[in-house]
Amino acid sequence: MSFPERFTRKGDGLFVSIAEAEAELLRSIPDELRPVLSAPVDPDNPVSERLFPRAYLDPTEEGAEREWQELVRPELVRERVASLERLTKSLERGQIREGRVEVELDADEAQAWLGALNDARLALGTRLGVTEDLDYDHVAEDHPDAAAYAVYGWLTWLEGDLVETLLG
């Protein structure tokens, strides 16, 4: 049995065809990410640090780092929340056909999907402690985080598929 491509170029945008279960996972991303994005700067929160890395690594530049956070972070948060909104709105437009959710995305929506997928993958990977050495495809089924590793692998694959399609 063959499945349609998940992403197909259509002019400047994309045609998306994903399984209903995949769409449900995508619908959960905004609720998972909003609390992280809206939380105040917390250098002890590894997910926040991963999504908003320091601009100044030199510990003597704490004042410059605080200034950067105050000036730049609000706009980064707005952009990321807007991407989550675009993801949500585009999925709401989706039509269900033969167990798949199909939707057309314009170029901005495609970029929003890419940003949301990347943020979700980075946040989950950080929570799981994923490193380049981890082979998450071979996590034992009875591992307490097996489902989360499976989602991480799916997000990684989906993001890669989207990037390849966008690059044409």
N, C-alpha and C. Protein backbone atom coordinates (compact mmCIF):
# COMPACT_ATOMS: atom_id res chain seq x y z
N MET A 1 0.85 -1.17 0.00
CA MET A 1 0.00 0.00 0.00
C MET A 1 0.89 1.24 0.00
N SER A 2 0.65 2.14 -0.90
CA SER A 2 1.45 3.36 -0.94
C SER A 2 0.61 4.53 -0.45
N PHE A 3 1.27 5.44 0.19
CA PHE A 3 0.62 6.63 0.72
C PHE A 3 1.04 7.83 -0.11
N PRO A 4 0.18 8.84 -0.19
CA PRO A 4 0.57 10.05 -0.92
C PRO A 4 1.70 10.76 -0.19
N GLU A 5 2.43 11.54 -0.95
CA GLU A 5 3.46 12.36 -0.33
C GLU A 5 2.81 13.28 0.70
N ARG A 6 3.50 13.51 1.80
CA ARG A 6 2.95 14.41 2.82
C ARG A 6 2.98 15.86 2.35
N PHE A 7 4.04 16.22 1.66
CA PHE A 7 4.19 17.60 1.19
C PHE A 7 4.47 17.58 -0.31
N THR A 8 3.73 18.39 -1.04
CA THR A 8 3.94 18.54 -2.47
C THR A 8 3.96 20.02 -2.79
N ARG A 9 4.95 20.45 -3.57
CA ARG A 9 5.02 21.85 -3.97
C ARG A 9 3.80 22.21 -4.79
N LYS A 10 3.26 23.39 -4.54
CA LYS A 10 2.14 23.90 -5.31
C LYS A 10 2.36 25.40 -5.45
N GLY A 11 2.94 25.81 -6.57
CA GLY A 11 3.28 27.22 -6.75
C GLY A 11 4.30 27.64 -5.71
N ASP A 12 4.01 28.74 -5.01
CA ASP A 12 4.90 29.20 -3.94
C ASP A 12 4.63 28.49 -2.63
N GLY A 13 3.54 27.73 -2.57
CA GLY A 13 3.15 27.08 -1.32
C GLY A 13 3.27 25.57 -1.41
N LEU A 14 2.47 24.91 -0.59
CA LEU A 14 2.52 23.45 -0.50
C LEU A 14 1.12 22.87 -0.41
N PHE A 15 0.99 21.65 -0.87
CA PHE A 15 -0.19 20.84 -0.60
C PHE A 15 0.26 19.83 0.45
N VAL A 16 -0.49 19.74 1.54
CA VAL A 16 -0.16 18.83 2.64
C VAL A 16 -1.22 17.74 2.71
N SER A 17 -0.78 16.50 2.85
CA SER A 17 -1.67 15.36 3.04
C SER A 17 -1.07 14.50 4.14
N ILE A 18 -1.68 14.58 5.33
CA ILE A 18 -1.16 13.83 6.48
C ILE A 18 -2.27 12.99 7.10
N ALA A 19 -1.87 11.91 7.76
CA ALA A 19 -2.83 11.06 8.44
C ALA A 19 -3.51 11.87 9.56
N GLU A 20 -4.74 11.50 9.86
CA GLU A 20 -5.47 12.21 10.91
C GLU A 20 -4.72 12.18 12.24
N ALA A 21 -4.07 11.06 12.56
CA ALA A 21 -3.30 10.98 13.81
C ALA A 21 -2.14 11.98 13.80
N GLU A 22 -1.51 12.16 12.64
CA GLU A 22 -0.44 13.14 12.53
C GLU A 22 -0.98 14.55 12.74
N ALA A 23 -2.14 14.83 12.17
CA ALA A 23 -2.76 16.15 12.35
C ALA A 23 -3.06 16.40 13.83
N GLU A 24 -3.52 15.37 14.53
CA GLU A 24 -3.80 15.53 15.96
C GLU A 24 -2.52 15.86 16.73
N LEU A 25 -1.44 15.20 16.40
CA LEU A 25 -0.16 15.53 17.05
C LEU A 25 0.24 16.97 16.75
N LEU A 26 0.08 17.40 15.51
CA LEU A 26 0.41 18.77 15.16
C LEU A 26 -0.48 19.77 15.89
N ARG A 27 -1.74 19.42 16.09
CA ARG A 27 -2.66 20.31 16.81
C ARG A 27 -2.25 20.49 18.27
N SER A 28 -1.52 19.52 18.82
CA SER A 28 -1.10 19.60 20.22
C SER A 28 0.13 20.47 20.42
N ILE A 29 0.87 20.74 19.36
CA ILE A 29 2.11 21.50 19.48
C ILE A 29 1.90 22.89 20.09
N PRO A 30 0.94 23.68 19.63
CA PRO A 30 0.79 25.01 20.21
C PRO A 30 0.54 24.99 21.73
N ASP A 31 -0.29 24.07 22.20
CA ASP A 31 -0.56 24.00 23.64
C ASP A 31 0.69 23.60 24.43
N GLU A 32 1.54 22.81 23.82
CA GLU A 32 2.78 22.40 24.48
C GLU A 32 3.81 23.52 24.51
N LEU A 33 3.87 24.30 23.43
CA LEU A 33 4.93 25.31 23.32
C LEU A 33 4.58 26.66 23.93
N ARG A 34 3.32 27.04 23.92
CA ARG A 34 2.97 28.38 24.42
C ARG A 34 3.48 28.65 25.83
N PRO A 35 3.32 27.73 26.78
CA PRO A 35 3.84 28.01 28.13
C PRO A 35 5.36 28.24 28.16
N VAL A 36 6.08 27.51 27.34
CA VAL A 36 7.54 27.68 27.29
C VAL A 36 7.89 29.03 26.67
N LEU A 37 7.18 29.38 25.60
CA LEU A 37 7.47 30.63 24.91
C LEU A 37 7.10 31.84 25.75
N SER A 38 6.03 31.74 26.52
CA SER A 38 5.57 32.91 27.28
C SER A 38 6.21 33.02 28.66
N ALA A 39 6.96 32.02 29.07
CA ALA A 39 7.61 32.07 30.38
C ALA A 39 8.71 33.11 30.39
N PRO A 40 8.95 33.72 31.55
CA PRO A 40 10.06 34.68 31.64
C PRO A 40 11.41 33.99 31.41
N VAL A 41 12.39 34.76 31.09
CA VAL A 41 13.74 34.24 30.89
C VAL A 41 14.15 33.46 32.13
N ASP A 42 14.58 32.23 31.92
CA ASP A 42 15.01 31.38 33.03
C ASP A 42 16.24 30.60 32.59
N PRO A 43 17.42 31.07 33.01
CA PRO A 43 18.65 30.39 32.59
C PRO A 43 18.76 28.96 33.13
N ASP A 44 17.91 28.61 34.09
CA ASP A 44 17.94 27.25 34.64
C ASP A 44 16.96 26.32 33.94
N ASN A 45 16.21 26.84 32.96
CA ASN A 45 15.28 26.02 32.20
C ASN A 45 15.95 25.65 30.88
N PRO A 46 16.37 24.39 30.73
CA PRO A 46 17.11 24.01 29.52
C PRO A 46 16.30 24.15 28.23
N VAL A 47 14.98 23.97 28.29
CA VAL A 47 14.16 24.12 27.08
C VAL A 47 14.14 25.58 26.65
N SER A 48 13.95 26.48 27.61
CA SER A 48 13.97 27.91 27.32
C SER A 48 15.34 28.32 26.77
N GLU A 49 16.39 27.80 27.38
CA GLU A 49 17.76 28.10 26.92
C GLU A 49 17.97 27.60 25.50
N ARG A 50 17.39 26.45 25.16
CA ARG A 50 17.57 25.88 23.82
C ARG A 50 16.81 26.69 22.77
N LEU A 51 15.59 27.12 23.12
CA LEU A 51 14.79 27.89 22.18
C LEU A 51 15.25 29.34 22.06
N PHE A 52 15.83 29.86 23.14
CA PHE A 52 16.31 31.24 23.16
C PHE A 52 17.75 31.25 23.69
N PRO A 53 18.70 30.79 22.89
CA PRO A 53 20.08 30.75 23.38
C PRO A 53 20.62 32.14 23.67
N ARG A 54 21.58 32.17 24.56
CA ARG A 54 22.19 33.44 24.96
C ARG A 54 22.86 34.10 23.75
N ALA A 55 22.78 35.41 23.71
CA ALA A 55 23.47 36.17 22.68
C ALA A 55 24.92 36.43 23.09
N TYR A 56 25.16 36.52 24.40
CA TYR A 56 26.48 36.81 24.94
C TYR A 56 26.91 35.65 25.83
N LEU A 57 27.90 34.92 25.39
CA LEU A 57 28.37 33.77 26.17
C LEU A 57 29.36 34.19 27.25
N ASP A 58 29.96 35.34 27.10
CA ASP A 58 30.92 35.84 28.07
C ASP A 58 30.19 36.21 29.37
N PRO A 59 30.54 35.56 30.50
CA PRO A 59 29.83 35.83 31.75
C PRO A 59 29.99 37.28 32.24
N THR A 60 30.95 38.00 31.71
CA THR A 60 31.10 39.41 32.12
C THR A 60 30.15 40.32 31.37
N GLU A 61 29.38 39.78 30.45
CA GLU A 61 28.45 40.56 29.63
C GLU A 61 26.99 40.36 30.04
N GLU A 62 26.74 40.13 31.33
CA GLU A 62 25.37 39.89 31.79
C GLU A 62 24.46 41.08 31.52
N GLY A 63 24.97 42.29 31.65
CA GLY A 63 24.16 43.48 31.36
C GLY A 63 23.74 43.53 29.90
N ALA A 64 24.68 43.23 29.01
CA ALA A 64 24.37 43.21 27.58
C ALA A 64 23.38 42.09 27.27
N GLU A 65 23.53 40.96 27.94
CA GLU A 65 22.60 39.84 27.74
C GLU A 65 21.19 40.22 28.18
N ARG A 66 21.07 40.84 29.34
CA ARG A 66 19.76 41.29 29.82
C ARG A 66 19.13 42.28 28.85
N GLU A 67 19.93 43.21 28.34
CA GLU A 67 19.43 44.20 27.40
C GLU A 67 18.94 43.52 26.12
N TRP A 68 19.73 42.57 25.62
CA TRP A 68 19.33 41.84 24.43
C TRP A 68 18.01 41.11 24.66
N GLN A 69 17.91 40.42 25.81
CA GLN A 69 16.68 39.70 26.14
C GLN A 69 15.47 40.65 26.16
N GLU A 70 15.65 41.83 26.74
CA GLU A 70 14.55 42.79 26.84
C GLU A 70 14.16 43.35 25.47
N LEU A 71 15.14 43.54 24.59
CA LEU A 71 14.88 44.15 23.29
C LEU A 71 14.44 43.15 22.23
N VAL A 72 15.04 41.98 22.20
CA VAL A 72 14.85 41.06 21.09
C VAL A 72 13.87 39.93 21.40
N ARG A 73 13.92 39.40 22.60
CA ARG A 73 13.10 38.24 22.92
C ARG A 73 11.60 38.47 22.69
N PRO A 74 11.03 39.63 23.07
CA PRO A 74 9.59 39.80 22.84
C PRO A 74 9.19 39.61 21.37
N GLU A 75 10.00 40.11 20.46
CA GLU A 75 9.69 39.94 19.04
C GLU A 75 9.84 38.48 18.61
N LEU A 76 10.86 37.80 19.13
CA LEU A 76 11.02 36.38 18.82
C LEU A 76 9.83 35.58 19.33
N VAL A 77 9.36 35.91 20.52
CA VAL A 77 8.19 35.23 21.07
C VAL A 77 6.97 35.50 20.19
N ARG A 78 6.76 36.76 19.81
CA ARG A 78 5.61 37.10 18.95
C ARG A 78 5.65 36.31 17.65
N GLU A 79 6.83 36.23 17.03
CA GLU A 79 6.96 35.50 15.77
C GLU A 79 6.66 34.01 15.94
N ARG A 80 7.15 33.44 17.03
CA ARG A 80 6.93 32.02 17.26
C ARG A 80 5.47 31.72 17.59
N VAL A 81 4.85 32.59 18.37
CA VAL A 81 3.42 32.40 18.68
C VAL A 81 2.59 32.58 17.41
N ALA A 82 2.96 33.53 16.56
CA ALA A 82 2.26 33.72 15.28
C ALA A 82 2.39 32.47 14.41
N SER A 83 3.55 31.83 14.42
CA SER A 83 3.73 30.59 13.67
C SER A 83 2.81 29.49 14.20
N LEU A 84 2.69 29.42 15.52
CA LEU A 84 1.78 28.43 16.11
C LEU A 84 0.34 28.70 15.71
N GLU A 85 -0.02 29.98 15.66
CA GLU A 85 -1.39 30.34 15.24
C GLU A 85 -1.63 29.96 13.77
N ARG A 86 -0.64 30.19 12.93
CA ARG A 86 -0.77 29.82 11.51
C ARG A 86 -0.90 28.30 11.35
N LEU A 87 -0.14 27.57 12.13
CA LEU A 87 -0.25 26.11 12.11
C LEU A 87 -1.67 25.69 12.48
N THR A 88 -2.18 26.24 13.57
CA THR A 88 -3.52 25.90 14.04
C THR A 88 -4.58 26.26 13.00
N LYS A 89 -4.53 27.48 12.50
CA LYS A 89 -5.54 27.94 11.53
C LYS A 89 -5.50 27.12 10.24
N SER A 90 -4.32 26.77 9.79
CA SER A 90 -4.23 25.99 8.56
C SER A 90 -4.79 24.59 8.77
N LEU A 91 -4.53 23.99 9.93
CA LEU A 91 -5.09 22.67 10.20
C LEU A 91 -6.62 22.72 10.31
N GLU A 92 -7.15 23.83 10.82
CA GLU A 92 -8.61 23.98 10.91
C GLU A 92 -9.24 24.00 9.52
N ARG A 93 -8.52 24.49 8.52
CA ARG A 93 -9.02 24.52 7.14
C ARG A 93 -8.95 23.17 6.46
N GLY A 94 -8.20 22.27 7.05
CA GLY A 94 -7.97 20.98 6.42
C GLY A 94 -9.25 20.20 6.17
N GLN A 95 -9.26 19.50 5.06
CA GLN A 95 -10.37 18.64 4.67
C GLN A 95 -9.95 17.19 4.91
N ILE A 96 -10.85 16.39 5.47
CA ILE A 96 -10.54 14.99 5.71
C ILE A 96 -11.02 14.18 4.51
N ARG A 97 -10.08 13.43 3.92
CA ARG A 97 -10.37 12.55 2.79
C ARG A 97 -9.65 11.23 3.02
N GLU A 98 -10.43 10.17 3.08
CA GLU A 98 -9.87 8.82 3.22
C GLU A 98 -8.88 8.72 4.37
N GLY A 99 -9.23 9.30 5.52
CA GLY A 99 -8.39 9.21 6.72
C GLY A 99 -7.19 10.13 6.73
N ARG A 100 -7.14 11.05 5.78
CA ARG A 100 -6.01 11.99 5.72
C ARG A 100 -6.55 13.41 5.79
N VAL A 101 -5.79 14.28 6.39
CA VAL A 101 -6.13 15.69 6.43
C VAL A 101 -5.34 16.37 5.32
N GLU A 102 -6.06 17.06 4.45
CA GLU A 102 -5.43 17.72 3.31
C GLU A 102 -5.67 19.22 3.42
N VAL A 103 -4.62 19.98 3.18
CA VAL A 103 -4.72 21.43 3.26
C VAL A 103 -3.65 22.05 2.36
N GLU A 104 -4.00 23.19 1.77
CA GLU A 104 -3.02 23.95 0.99
C GLU A 104 -2.45 25.04 1.88
N LEU A 105 -1.13 25.22 1.80
CA LEU A 105 -0.44 26.24 2.56
C LEU A 105 0.18 27.25 1.62
N ASP A 106 0.07 28.53 1.97
CA ASP A 106 0.83 29.52 1.20
C ASP A 106 2.27 29.51 1.73
N ALA A 107 3.13 30.30 1.13
CA ALA A 107 4.55 30.29 1.49
C ALA A 107 4.76 30.66 2.95
N ASP A 108 4.02 31.65 3.46
CA ASP A 108 4.17 32.05 4.86
C ASP A 108 3.72 30.95 5.81
N GLU A 109 2.64 30.27 5.47
CA GLU A 109 2.16 29.17 6.31
C GLU A 109 3.16 28.02 6.31
N ALA A 110 3.75 27.74 5.16
CA ALA A 110 4.75 26.67 5.08
C ALA A 110 5.93 26.99 5.99
N GLN A 111 6.38 28.25 5.99
CA GLN A 111 7.47 28.65 6.87
C GLN A 111 7.04 28.57 8.34
N ALA A 112 5.77 28.89 8.62
CA ALA A 112 5.27 28.80 9.99
C ALA A 112 5.28 27.34 10.45
N TRP A 113 4.87 26.43 9.58
CA TRP A 113 4.92 25.01 9.92
C TRP A 113 6.35 24.60 10.23
N LEU A 114 7.28 25.05 9.40
CA LEU A 114 8.68 24.70 9.61
C LEU A 114 9.17 25.20 10.96
N GLY A 115 8.85 26.44 11.30
CA GLY A 115 9.26 27.00 12.58
C GLY A 115 8.64 26.27 13.76
N ALA A 116 7.35 25.97 13.66
CA ALA A 116 6.66 25.27 14.75
C ALA A 116 7.21 23.85 14.93
N LEU A 117 7.44 23.15 13.82
CA LEU A 117 8.01 21.80 13.92
C LEU A 117 9.40 21.84 14.54
N ASN A 118 10.21 22.80 14.12
CA ASN A 118 11.55 22.90 14.65
C ASN A 118 11.53 23.21 16.15
N ASP A 119 10.70 24.17 16.56
CA ASP A 119 10.62 24.51 17.98
C ASP A 119 10.13 23.32 18.80
N ALA A 120 9.13 22.60 18.30
CA ALA A 120 8.61 21.44 19.02
C ALA A 120 9.68 20.36 19.15
N ARG A 121 10.40 20.12 18.06
CA ARG A 121 11.47 19.11 18.08
C ARG A 121 12.59 19.49 19.04
N LEU A 122 12.99 20.77 19.01
CA LEU A 122 14.04 21.22 19.92
C LEU A 122 13.61 21.13 21.38
N ALA A 123 12.37 21.54 21.67
CA ALA A 123 11.88 21.49 23.04
C ALA A 123 11.80 20.05 23.54
N LEU A 124 11.22 19.16 22.74
CA LEU A 124 11.10 17.77 23.17
C LEU A 124 12.47 17.10 23.26
N GLY A 125 13.32 17.35 22.29
CA GLY A 125 14.66 16.77 22.33
C GLY A 125 15.44 17.22 23.55
N THR A 126 15.28 18.47 23.94
CA THR A 126 15.96 18.97 25.14
C THR A 126 15.41 18.29 26.39
N ARG A 127 14.09 18.18 26.47
CA ARG A 127 13.48 17.51 27.64
C ARG A 127 13.96 16.06 27.76
N LEU A 128 14.14 15.41 26.62
CA LEU A 128 14.56 14.01 26.61
C LEU A 128 16.07 13.85 26.74
N GLY A 129 16.82 14.94 26.60
CA GLY A 129 18.27 14.85 26.66
C GLY A 129 18.87 14.22 25.42
N VAL A 130 18.23 14.43 24.27
CA VAL A 130 18.70 13.86 23.02
C VAL A 130 20.05 14.47 22.64
N THR A 131 20.96 13.60 22.24
CA THR A 131 22.26 14.03 21.73
C THR A 131 22.44 13.38 20.35
N GLU A 132 23.48 13.79 19.66
CA GLU A 132 23.77 13.20 18.35
C GLU A 132 24.06 11.71 18.46
N ASP A 133 24.52 11.27 19.63
CA ASP A 133 24.89 9.86 19.81
C ASP A 133 23.69 8.95 20.07
N LEU A 134 22.55 9.53 20.43
CA LEU A 134 21.39 8.73 20.78
C LEU A 134 20.73 8.15 19.53
N ASP A 135 20.50 6.86 19.56
CA ASP A 135 19.76 6.20 18.49
C ASP A 135 18.34 5.99 18.99
N TYR A 136 17.50 7.00 18.83
CA TYR A 136 16.15 6.95 19.40
C TYR A 136 15.26 5.95 18.69
N ASP A 137 15.69 5.44 17.54
CA ASP A 137 14.93 4.39 16.86
C ASP A 137 15.00 3.06 17.62
N HIS A 138 15.98 2.93 18.50
CA HIS A 138 16.16 1.68 19.24
C HIS A 138 15.90 1.83 20.73
N VAL A 139 15.06 2.78 21.10
CA VAL A 139 14.67 2.91 22.50
C VAL A 139 13.70 1.77 22.80
N ALA A 140 13.92 1.09 23.92
CA ALA A 140 13.08 -0.05 24.28
C ALA A 140 11.62 0.37 24.42
N GLU A 141 10.72 -0.49 23.97
CA GLU A 141 9.29 -0.19 24.03
C GLU A 141 8.80 0.05 25.45
N ASP A 142 9.45 -0.57 26.44
CA ASP A 142 9.01 -0.39 27.82
C ASP A 142 9.71 0.78 28.51
N HIS A 143 10.54 1.52 27.77
CA HIS A 143 11.18 2.71 28.35
C HIS A 143 10.10 3.71 28.71
N PRO A 144 10.21 4.38 29.87
CA PRO A 144 9.16 5.32 30.28
C PRO A 144 8.92 6.46 29.28
N ASP A 145 9.92 6.80 28.49
CA ASP A 145 9.78 7.89 27.51
C ASP A 145 9.71 7.38 26.08
N ALA A 146 9.38 6.10 25.90
CA ALA A 146 9.36 5.52 24.54
C ALA A 146 8.43 6.29 23.61
N ALA A 147 7.26 6.65 24.08
CA ALA A 147 6.32 7.38 23.22
C ALA A 147 6.88 8.76 22.85
N ALA A 148 7.51 9.42 23.82
CA ALA A 148 8.09 10.74 23.55
C ALA A 148 9.23 10.63 22.54
N TYR A 149 10.05 9.58 22.64
CA TYR A 149 11.11 9.38 21.65
C TYR A 149 10.53 9.12 20.27
N ALA A 150 9.42 8.38 20.22
CA ALA A 150 8.77 8.12 18.93
C ALA A 150 8.27 9.43 18.32
N VAL A 151 7.68 10.28 19.14
CA VAL A 151 7.20 11.58 18.65
C VAL A 151 8.39 12.42 18.19
N TYR A 152 9.47 12.40 18.95
CA TYR A 152 10.67 13.15 18.56
C TYR A 152 11.17 12.66 17.19
N GLY A 153 11.23 11.36 17.00
CA GLY A 153 11.68 10.82 15.73
C GLY A 153 10.75 11.24 14.60
N TRP A 154 9.44 11.19 14.84
CA TRP A 154 8.47 11.61 13.84
C TRP A 154 8.62 13.09 13.51
N LEU A 155 8.78 13.95 14.53
CA LEU A 155 8.98 15.38 14.29
C LEU A 155 10.24 15.63 13.45
N THR A 156 11.30 14.91 13.77
CA THR A 156 12.55 15.06 13.03
C THR A 156 12.35 14.67 11.57
N TRP A 157 11.70 13.54 11.35
CA TRP A 157 11.45 13.06 10.00
C TRP A 157 10.54 14.03 9.25
N LEU A 158 9.45 14.48 9.89
CA LEU A 158 8.50 15.37 9.24
C LEU A 158 9.16 16.70 8.88
N GLU A 159 9.95 17.24 9.81
CA GLU A 159 10.65 18.49 9.52
C GLU A 159 11.61 18.31 8.35
N GLY A 160 12.33 17.21 8.33
CA GLY A 160 13.25 16.94 7.23
C GLY A 160 12.53 16.81 5.90
N ASP A 161 11.38 16.14 5.90
CA ASP A 161 10.58 15.99 4.69
C ASP A 161 10.09 17.36 4.21
N LEU A 162 9.66 18.19 5.14
CA LEU A 162 9.20 19.54 4.79
C LEU A 162 10.34 20.37 4.21
N VAL A 163 11.50 20.32 4.83
CA VAL A 163 12.67 21.06 4.33
C VAL A 163 13.02 20.60 2.92
N GLU A 164 13.08 19.29 2.70
CA GLU A 164 13.41 18.79 1.36
C GLU A 164 12.41 19.25 0.32
N THR A 165 11.14 19.26 0.69
CA THR A 165 10.11 19.71 -0.26
C THR A 165 10.25 21.19 -0.54
N LEU A 166 10.50 21.97 0.50
CA LEU A 166 10.65 23.43 0.30
C LEU A 166 11.89 23.75 -0.55
N LEU A 167 12.93 22.96 -0.39
CA LEU A 167 14.14 23.18 -1.18
C LEU A 167 13.97 22.72 -2.62
N GLY A 168 12.97 21.85 -2.83
CA GLY A 168 12.63 21.43 -4.19
C GLY A 168 13.59 20.47 -4.79
